[in-house]
Each structure stands twice: as structure tokens, then as C-alpha cells.
N, C-alpha and C. Protein backbone atom coordinates (compact mmCIF):
# COMPACT_ATOMS: atom_id res chain seq x y z
N MET A 1 -29.92 -34.48 21.53
CA MET A 1 -29.77 -33.04 21.69
C MET A 1 -29.91 -32.38 20.34
N ARG A 2 -30.74 -31.40 20.28
CA ARG A 2 -31.03 -30.72 19.03
C ARG A 2 -30.46 -29.31 19.09
N VAL A 3 -29.72 -28.91 18.04
CA VAL A 3 -29.14 -27.58 17.97
C VAL A 3 -30.06 -26.71 17.12
N SER A 4 -30.41 -25.55 17.65
CA SER A 4 -31.31 -24.68 16.90
C SER A 4 -30.61 -24.15 15.65
N SER A 5 -31.39 -23.80 14.66
CA SER A 5 -30.82 -23.29 13.41
C SER A 5 -30.15 -21.93 13.63
N ARG A 6 -30.63 -21.14 14.59
CA ARG A 6 -30.01 -19.85 14.88
C ARG A 6 -28.61 -20.04 15.45
N VAL A 7 -28.46 -20.98 16.36
CA VAL A 7 -27.15 -21.25 16.95
C VAL A 7 -26.20 -21.76 15.88
N LEU A 8 -26.67 -22.68 15.05
CA LEU A 8 -25.83 -23.23 13.99
C LEU A 8 -25.44 -22.15 12.99
N THR A 9 -26.39 -21.29 12.61
CA THR A 9 -26.09 -20.19 11.69
C THR A 9 -25.07 -19.24 12.30
N GLY A 10 -25.25 -18.92 13.56
CA GLY A 10 -24.30 -18.03 14.26
C GLY A 10 -22.91 -18.63 14.30
N PHE A 11 -22.82 -19.93 14.58
CA PHE A 11 -21.52 -20.60 14.63
C PHE A 11 -20.84 -20.57 13.26
N VAL A 12 -21.58 -20.87 12.21
CA VAL A 12 -21.03 -20.86 10.85
C VAL A 12 -20.55 -19.45 10.50
N PHE A 13 -21.33 -18.44 10.87
CA PHE A 13 -20.93 -17.05 10.61
C PHE A 13 -19.64 -16.70 11.34
N LEU A 14 -19.51 -17.08 12.60
CA LEU A 14 -18.30 -16.79 13.37
C LEU A 14 -17.07 -17.48 12.78
N VAL A 15 -17.22 -18.72 12.38
CA VAL A 15 -16.10 -19.45 11.77
C VAL A 15 -15.69 -18.78 10.45
N ALA A 16 -16.67 -18.43 9.63
CA ALA A 16 -16.38 -17.76 8.35
C ALA A 16 -15.71 -16.42 8.59
N ALA A 17 -16.18 -15.66 9.57
CA ALA A 17 -15.58 -14.36 9.87
C ALA A 17 -14.15 -14.52 10.35
N ALA A 18 -13.88 -15.54 11.13
CA ALA A 18 -12.52 -15.78 11.62
C ALA A 18 -11.59 -16.09 10.46
N PHE A 19 -12.04 -16.91 9.51
CA PHE A 19 -11.20 -17.23 8.36
C PHE A 19 -10.98 -16.01 7.48
N CYS A 20 -12.00 -15.23 7.25
CA CYS A 20 -11.86 -14.01 6.44
C CYS A 20 -10.95 -13.01 7.13
N GLY A 21 -11.08 -12.89 8.43
CA GLY A 21 -10.26 -11.96 9.18
C GLY A 21 -8.79 -12.29 9.10
N CYS A 22 -8.45 -13.58 9.08
CA CYS A 22 -7.05 -13.97 8.99
C CYS A 22 -6.44 -13.53 7.67
N GLY A 23 -7.15 -13.71 6.57
CA GLY A 23 -6.67 -13.28 5.26
C GLY A 23 -6.58 -11.78 5.17
N PHE A 24 -7.55 -11.12 5.76
CA PHE A 24 -7.58 -9.66 5.79
C PHE A 24 -6.36 -9.12 6.51
N SER A 25 -6.09 -9.66 7.69
CA SER A 25 -4.96 -9.21 8.50
C SER A 25 -3.64 -9.46 7.77
N LYS A 26 -3.52 -10.61 7.15
CA LYS A 26 -2.29 -10.95 6.42
C LYS A 26 -2.05 -9.97 5.28
N GLY A 27 -3.10 -9.65 4.52
CA GLY A 27 -2.97 -8.71 3.40
C GLY A 27 -2.53 -7.33 3.85
N VAL A 28 -3.11 -6.86 4.96
CA VAL A 28 -2.75 -5.54 5.48
C VAL A 28 -1.30 -5.56 5.98
N ASP A 29 -0.92 -6.62 6.69
CA ASP A 29 0.46 -6.73 7.17
C ASP A 29 1.45 -6.77 6.00
N GLN A 30 1.10 -7.49 4.95
CA GLN A 30 1.96 -7.55 3.76
C GLN A 30 2.11 -6.17 3.14
N ALA A 31 1.01 -5.43 3.06
CA ALA A 31 1.05 -4.09 2.47
C ALA A 31 1.91 -3.16 3.31
N LYS A 32 1.83 -3.25 4.63
CA LYS A 32 2.65 -2.41 5.50
C LYS A 32 4.13 -2.72 5.32
N LYS A 33 4.46 -3.99 5.17
CA LYS A 33 5.86 -4.37 4.91
C LYS A 33 6.31 -3.84 3.55
N ALA A 34 5.40 -3.85 2.59
CA ALA A 34 5.72 -3.33 1.25
C ALA A 34 5.98 -1.82 1.31
N VAL A 35 5.26 -1.10 2.16
CA VAL A 35 5.52 0.33 2.34
C VAL A 35 6.93 0.54 2.91
N ASP A 36 7.31 -0.28 3.88
CA ASP A 36 8.67 -0.18 4.45
C ASP A 36 9.72 -0.41 3.36
N GLU A 37 9.49 -1.42 2.52
CA GLU A 37 10.43 -1.71 1.43
C GLU A 37 10.46 -0.55 0.42
N PHE A 38 9.29 0.00 0.12
CA PHE A 38 9.21 1.15 -0.78
C PHE A 38 10.06 2.29 -0.23
N HIS A 39 9.90 2.61 1.06
CA HIS A 39 10.66 3.72 1.65
C HIS A 39 12.16 3.45 1.65
N THR A 40 12.56 2.22 1.87
CA THR A 40 13.98 1.86 1.81
C THR A 40 14.52 2.12 0.41
N ARG A 41 13.80 1.68 -0.60
CA ARG A 41 14.22 1.89 -1.99
C ARG A 41 14.18 3.38 -2.36
N PHE A 42 13.15 4.08 -1.89
CA PHE A 42 13.01 5.51 -2.16
C PHE A 42 14.21 6.27 -1.59
N ASN A 43 14.56 6.02 -0.35
CA ASN A 43 15.68 6.72 0.27
C ASN A 43 17.02 6.38 -0.38
N ALA A 44 17.13 5.19 -0.94
CA ALA A 44 18.35 4.77 -1.63
C ALA A 44 18.35 5.19 -3.10
N LYS A 45 17.32 5.91 -3.51
CA LYS A 45 17.15 6.36 -4.90
C LYS A 45 17.09 5.20 -5.88
N GLN A 46 16.52 4.09 -5.45
CA GLN A 46 16.36 2.91 -6.30
C GLN A 46 14.99 2.95 -6.98
N PHE A 47 14.80 3.99 -7.77
CA PHE A 47 13.50 4.21 -8.41
C PHE A 47 13.20 3.13 -9.45
N ASP A 48 14.23 2.62 -10.13
CA ASP A 48 14.02 1.53 -11.09
C ASP A 48 13.51 0.29 -10.37
N ALA A 49 14.02 0.03 -9.17
CA ALA A 49 13.57 -1.14 -8.40
C ALA A 49 12.11 -1.00 -8.00
N ILE A 50 11.69 0.22 -7.67
CA ILE A 50 10.28 0.45 -7.35
C ILE A 50 9.43 0.15 -8.59
N PHE A 51 9.86 0.64 -9.73
CA PHE A 51 9.13 0.39 -10.98
C PHE A 51 9.09 -1.10 -11.30
N ASP A 52 10.24 -1.77 -11.20
CA ASP A 52 10.31 -3.20 -11.54
C ASP A 52 9.40 -4.05 -10.66
N ALA A 53 9.23 -3.66 -9.39
CA ALA A 53 8.42 -4.44 -8.46
C ALA A 53 6.94 -4.06 -8.50
N ALA A 54 6.57 -3.09 -9.32
CA ALA A 54 5.19 -2.60 -9.35
C ALA A 54 4.27 -3.53 -10.14
N ASP A 55 2.99 -3.34 -9.92
CA ASP A 55 1.95 -4.07 -10.62
C ASP A 55 1.96 -3.71 -12.12
N PRO A 56 1.58 -4.62 -12.99
CA PRO A 56 1.48 -4.27 -14.41
C PRO A 56 0.58 -3.06 -14.68
N GLY A 57 -0.40 -2.83 -13.81
CA GLY A 57 -1.26 -1.66 -13.96
C GLY A 57 -0.49 -0.35 -13.80
N TRP A 58 0.48 -0.34 -12.88
CA TRP A 58 1.35 0.84 -12.71
C TRP A 58 2.17 1.06 -13.97
N LYS A 59 2.73 -0.03 -14.48
CA LYS A 59 3.60 0.06 -15.66
C LYS A 59 2.81 0.44 -16.91
N LYS A 60 1.53 0.10 -16.93
CA LYS A 60 0.69 0.47 -18.06
C LYS A 60 0.32 1.96 -17.99
N ALA A 61 0.16 2.46 -16.76
CA ALA A 61 -0.26 3.86 -16.58
C ALA A 61 0.89 4.84 -16.77
N THR A 62 2.12 4.41 -16.50
CA THR A 62 3.27 5.31 -16.61
C THR A 62 4.50 4.54 -17.06
N ASP A 63 5.31 5.15 -17.87
CA ASP A 63 6.53 4.47 -18.29
C ASP A 63 7.62 4.64 -17.23
N ARG A 64 8.69 3.89 -17.37
CA ARG A 64 9.79 3.88 -16.40
C ARG A 64 10.38 5.27 -16.20
N ASP A 65 10.62 5.99 -17.28
CA ASP A 65 11.26 7.30 -17.18
C ASP A 65 10.40 8.29 -16.39
N THR A 66 9.10 8.32 -16.68
CA THR A 66 8.19 9.21 -15.96
C THR A 66 8.09 8.82 -14.49
N SER A 67 8.01 7.53 -14.22
CA SER A 67 7.95 7.04 -12.85
C SER A 67 9.21 7.46 -12.08
N ASP A 68 10.37 7.23 -12.68
CA ASP A 68 11.64 7.59 -12.03
C ASP A 68 11.73 9.09 -11.77
N LYS A 69 11.31 9.89 -12.74
CA LYS A 69 11.35 11.35 -12.58
C LYS A 69 10.40 11.82 -11.48
N PHE A 70 9.26 11.18 -11.38
CA PHE A 70 8.30 11.54 -10.34
C PHE A 70 8.91 11.30 -8.96
N PHE A 71 9.46 10.10 -8.75
CA PHE A 71 10.05 9.79 -7.44
C PHE A 71 11.27 10.67 -7.16
N ALA A 72 12.05 10.96 -8.19
CA ALA A 72 13.21 11.84 -8.02
C ALA A 72 12.76 13.23 -7.59
N ARG A 73 11.66 13.72 -8.15
CA ARG A 73 11.14 15.04 -7.78
C ARG A 73 10.69 15.06 -6.32
N VAL A 74 9.97 14.02 -5.92
CA VAL A 74 9.52 13.96 -4.52
C VAL A 74 10.72 13.97 -3.60
N GLN A 75 11.74 13.20 -3.94
CA GLN A 75 12.92 13.15 -3.06
C GLN A 75 13.70 14.46 -3.10
N ARG A 76 13.81 15.07 -4.26
CA ARG A 76 14.54 16.33 -4.38
C ARG A 76 13.86 17.42 -3.54
N LYS A 77 12.54 17.44 -3.56
CA LYS A 77 11.79 18.46 -2.84
C LYS A 77 11.74 18.21 -1.33
N LEU A 78 11.58 16.95 -0.94
CA LEU A 78 11.36 16.64 0.47
C LEU A 78 12.56 16.02 1.17
N GLY A 79 13.52 15.55 0.42
CA GLY A 79 14.70 14.93 1.04
C GLY A 79 14.40 13.52 1.49
N ALA A 80 15.35 12.96 2.21
CA ALA A 80 15.20 11.59 2.72
C ALA A 80 14.06 11.55 3.73
N CYS A 81 13.34 10.46 3.73
CA CYS A 81 12.22 10.28 4.65
C CYS A 81 12.64 9.34 5.77
N THR A 82 12.26 9.71 6.99
CA THR A 82 12.77 8.97 8.14
C THR A 82 11.72 8.12 8.84
N THR A 83 10.61 8.72 9.20
CA THR A 83 9.59 7.96 9.93
C THR A 83 8.24 8.09 9.26
N SER A 84 7.44 7.04 9.40
CA SER A 84 6.11 7.01 8.81
C SER A 84 5.11 6.51 9.84
N THR A 85 3.93 7.10 9.80
CA THR A 85 2.85 6.68 10.68
C THR A 85 1.64 6.34 9.81
N SER A 86 1.12 5.14 9.99
CA SER A 86 -0.05 4.71 9.23
C SER A 86 -1.27 5.43 9.76
N GLY A 87 -2.05 5.99 8.84
CA GLY A 87 -3.23 6.74 9.23
C GLY A 87 -4.53 6.01 8.97
N GLY A 88 -4.46 4.84 8.44
CA GLY A 88 -5.67 4.08 8.14
C GLY A 88 -5.52 3.31 6.84
N TYR A 89 -6.42 2.36 6.64
CA TYR A 89 -6.35 1.54 5.44
C TYR A 89 -7.73 1.09 5.01
N ASN A 90 -7.78 0.60 3.79
CA ASN A 90 -9.00 0.05 3.22
C ASN A 90 -8.62 -1.26 2.56
N TYR A 91 -9.35 -2.31 2.86
CA TYR A 91 -9.13 -3.64 2.29
C TYR A 91 -10.31 -3.95 1.40
N ASN A 92 -10.05 -4.28 0.13
CA ASN A 92 -11.13 -4.43 -0.84
C ASN A 92 -10.89 -5.67 -1.70
N VAL A 93 -11.85 -6.56 -1.72
CA VAL A 93 -11.78 -7.75 -2.57
C VAL A 93 -12.77 -7.56 -3.71
N THR A 94 -12.25 -7.61 -4.94
CA THR A 94 -13.10 -7.42 -6.12
C THR A 94 -12.84 -8.57 -7.09
N THR A 95 -13.54 -8.55 -8.20
CA THR A 95 -13.29 -9.55 -9.24
C THR A 95 -11.94 -9.31 -9.91
N SER A 96 -11.38 -8.12 -9.74
CA SER A 96 -10.06 -7.80 -10.31
C SER A 96 -8.91 -8.16 -9.37
N GLY A 97 -9.24 -8.55 -8.14
CA GLY A 97 -8.20 -8.92 -7.19
C GLY A 97 -8.46 -8.34 -5.81
N THR A 98 -7.49 -8.54 -4.95
CA THR A 98 -7.55 -8.04 -3.58
C THR A 98 -6.64 -6.83 -3.49
N PHE A 99 -7.17 -5.73 -2.96
CA PHE A 99 -6.43 -4.47 -2.90
C PHE A 99 -6.42 -3.93 -1.48
N VAL A 100 -5.28 -3.36 -1.11
CA VAL A 100 -5.14 -2.68 0.18
C VAL A 100 -4.67 -1.27 -0.11
N THR A 101 -5.41 -0.28 0.38
CA THR A 101 -5.02 1.11 0.27
C THR A 101 -4.65 1.59 1.67
N ILE A 102 -3.44 2.13 1.80
CA ILE A 102 -2.95 2.59 3.11
C ILE A 102 -2.50 4.03 3.00
N ASN A 103 -2.90 4.83 3.98
CA ASN A 103 -2.47 6.22 4.07
C ASN A 103 -1.39 6.35 5.14
N TYR A 104 -0.37 7.15 4.83
CA TYR A 104 0.73 7.37 5.76
C TYR A 104 1.02 8.86 5.87
N GLU A 105 1.47 9.28 7.04
CA GLU A 105 2.09 10.58 7.19
C GLU A 105 3.57 10.30 7.44
N THR A 106 4.39 10.79 6.54
CA THR A 106 5.82 10.49 6.57
C THR A 106 6.61 11.76 6.83
N THR A 107 7.56 11.66 7.74
CA THR A 107 8.43 12.79 8.05
C THR A 107 9.67 12.69 7.17
N CYS A 108 9.91 13.76 6.43
CA CYS A 108 11.07 13.83 5.54
C CYS A 108 11.95 15.01 5.99
N ALA A 109 13.12 15.11 5.42
CA ALA A 109 14.08 16.15 5.81
C ALA A 109 13.50 17.55 5.66
N ASN A 110 12.65 17.77 4.65
CA ASN A 110 12.12 19.11 4.38
C ASN A 110 10.64 19.28 4.71
N GLY A 111 10.06 18.35 5.45
CA GLY A 111 8.66 18.50 5.83
C GLY A 111 7.91 17.19 5.85
N LYS A 112 6.62 17.29 6.12
CA LYS A 112 5.74 16.12 6.18
C LYS A 112 5.21 15.80 4.79
N LEU A 113 5.08 14.53 4.53
CA LEU A 113 4.57 14.05 3.25
C LEU A 113 3.36 13.16 3.52
N ALA A 114 2.22 13.52 2.94
CA ALA A 114 1.03 12.68 3.02
C ALA A 114 1.09 11.70 1.85
N GLU A 115 1.08 10.42 2.17
CA GLU A 115 1.20 9.39 1.13
C GLU A 115 -0.01 8.47 1.15
N GLU A 116 -0.40 8.05 -0.05
CA GLU A 116 -1.42 7.02 -0.19
C GLU A 116 -0.88 5.96 -1.13
N PHE A 117 -0.84 4.74 -0.65
CA PHE A 117 -0.39 3.59 -1.42
C PHE A 117 -1.58 2.70 -1.71
N ARG A 118 -1.65 2.19 -2.94
CA ARG A 118 -2.65 1.17 -3.28
C ARG A 118 -1.89 -0.04 -3.78
N TRP A 119 -2.07 -1.16 -3.07
CA TRP A 119 -1.35 -2.40 -3.37
C TRP A 119 -2.34 -3.47 -3.82
N ARG A 120 -1.89 -4.32 -4.74
CA ARG A 120 -2.66 -5.51 -5.11
C ARG A 120 -1.97 -6.70 -4.45
N VAL A 121 -2.74 -7.44 -3.67
CA VAL A 121 -2.21 -8.62 -2.98
C VAL A 121 -2.43 -9.82 -3.88
N ASP A 122 -1.34 -10.51 -4.21
CA ASP A 122 -1.39 -11.67 -5.09
C ASP A 122 -0.61 -12.80 -4.41
N GLY A 123 -1.31 -13.56 -3.56
CA GLY A 123 -0.64 -14.60 -2.79
C GLY A 123 0.32 -13.98 -1.79
N ASP A 124 1.61 -14.31 -1.93
CA ASP A 124 2.62 -13.74 -1.04
C ASP A 124 3.24 -12.47 -1.61
N LYS A 125 2.81 -12.06 -2.79
CA LYS A 125 3.35 -10.85 -3.40
C LYS A 125 2.39 -9.68 -3.18
N VAL A 126 2.97 -8.50 -3.02
CA VAL A 126 2.20 -7.27 -2.91
C VAL A 126 2.78 -6.32 -3.94
N LEU A 127 1.94 -5.86 -4.87
CA LEU A 127 2.41 -5.07 -6.00
C LEU A 127 1.80 -3.67 -5.97
N LEU A 128 2.64 -2.66 -6.18
CA LEU A 128 2.19 -1.28 -6.17
C LEU A 128 1.32 -0.99 -7.38
N VAL A 129 0.10 -0.54 -7.13
CA VAL A 129 -0.84 -0.19 -8.19
C VAL A 129 -0.90 1.32 -8.37
N ALA A 130 -0.88 2.05 -7.24
CA ALA A 130 -0.98 3.51 -7.30
C ALA A 130 -0.26 4.12 -6.10
N TYR A 131 0.28 5.32 -6.31
CA TYR A 131 0.96 6.06 -5.25
C TYR A 131 0.62 7.53 -5.40
N ASN A 132 0.24 8.15 -4.30
CA ASN A 132 -0.09 9.57 -4.31
C ASN A 132 0.71 10.24 -3.20
N ALA A 133 1.44 11.31 -3.53
CA ALA A 133 2.24 12.05 -2.57
C ALA A 133 1.74 13.50 -2.53
N ASN A 134 1.50 14.00 -1.34
CA ASN A 134 0.99 15.37 -1.20
C ASN A 134 1.84 16.17 -0.22
N ASN A 135 2.31 17.31 -0.70
CA ASN A 135 3.00 18.33 0.09
C ASN A 135 3.08 19.57 -0.78
N PRO A 136 2.87 20.77 -0.23
CA PRO A 136 2.92 21.98 -1.06
C PRO A 136 4.24 22.18 -1.80
N LEU A 137 5.34 21.66 -1.28
CA LEU A 137 6.63 21.80 -1.96
C LEU A 137 6.63 21.13 -3.33
N LEU A 138 5.79 20.13 -3.50
CA LEU A 138 5.74 19.42 -4.78
C LEU A 138 5.13 20.27 -5.89
N LEU A 139 4.49 21.37 -5.51
CA LEU A 139 3.84 22.24 -6.49
C LEU A 139 4.76 23.34 -7.02
N THR A 140 5.93 23.46 -6.44
CA THR A 140 6.85 24.54 -6.82
C THR A 140 8.03 23.99 -7.61
N ASP A 141 8.68 24.90 -8.35
CA ASP A 141 9.91 24.49 -9.06
C ASP A 141 11.09 24.83 -8.28
């Protein structure tokens, strides 16, 4: 029995896609769990813990004091955050590492907060690389 090269190529492609998909799914699930942990720390005002658990790239871009003040401002303006809904994600593998960017709409005491998280997946660790928070209240004093 002879297997055609098209069938063999298709089979190899399906097996490779299945393996890639498993890693992809795991990275996204890890990032979603990291968002939950971030929100727990944010609501508890554990801004130092957020900084300590962040990627070295975060720590290079901003010092601890600035990072803490930023998160304190978001919490002061919007209050405690209760529920979050994922609005989509992007999974990217580069020579610099594997990154997951996730967008959330989060309900806080004083309004909705649009959040974008960028995580670097490093084995079983997920490290915060970038965070963007958007709400008009953040523009006022």
C-alpha cells in the first residue's frame, strides 16, 4: 500500500497544528489566570507585588515608585474592580519570546475600565510586560 505525498503532507501538517495549538491554548490560559491574579493584587492595593512579579522589561521601563503611583491613581479614580470580560487576545511567538496580549473590559466601582495586558510566557511563568488602562476619569485630577 502506497501513501500519496499529499496525504502524508496533510497528516504531518495536522499533527504539527495540534501540537502548536496545545501550546497556544496553554499560554492564553496562563495569561488569563495572570490577569485574575493581577486584579486580586490590584484590589488589595498590592502594587509592589505587581511590580515584583513583572517582567524585567516592565522594571526597565518604569521604576517601582512610578509603577505604584500609576496603579494607585487607577484605583483612586475607578475604585475596586469587580468583574472582567475578555474581549480578545493575540498570541505572538518571536525571537524575543512568546507573548500574549489580552484586552479586557472591567467593571469598577466608578465605571468601566478598558484594559490591555501584554504578558511574556516563560515556561510555567507569565510575566507582565505592558499594561494599558483607559477611562476618561484617568485624565482628570
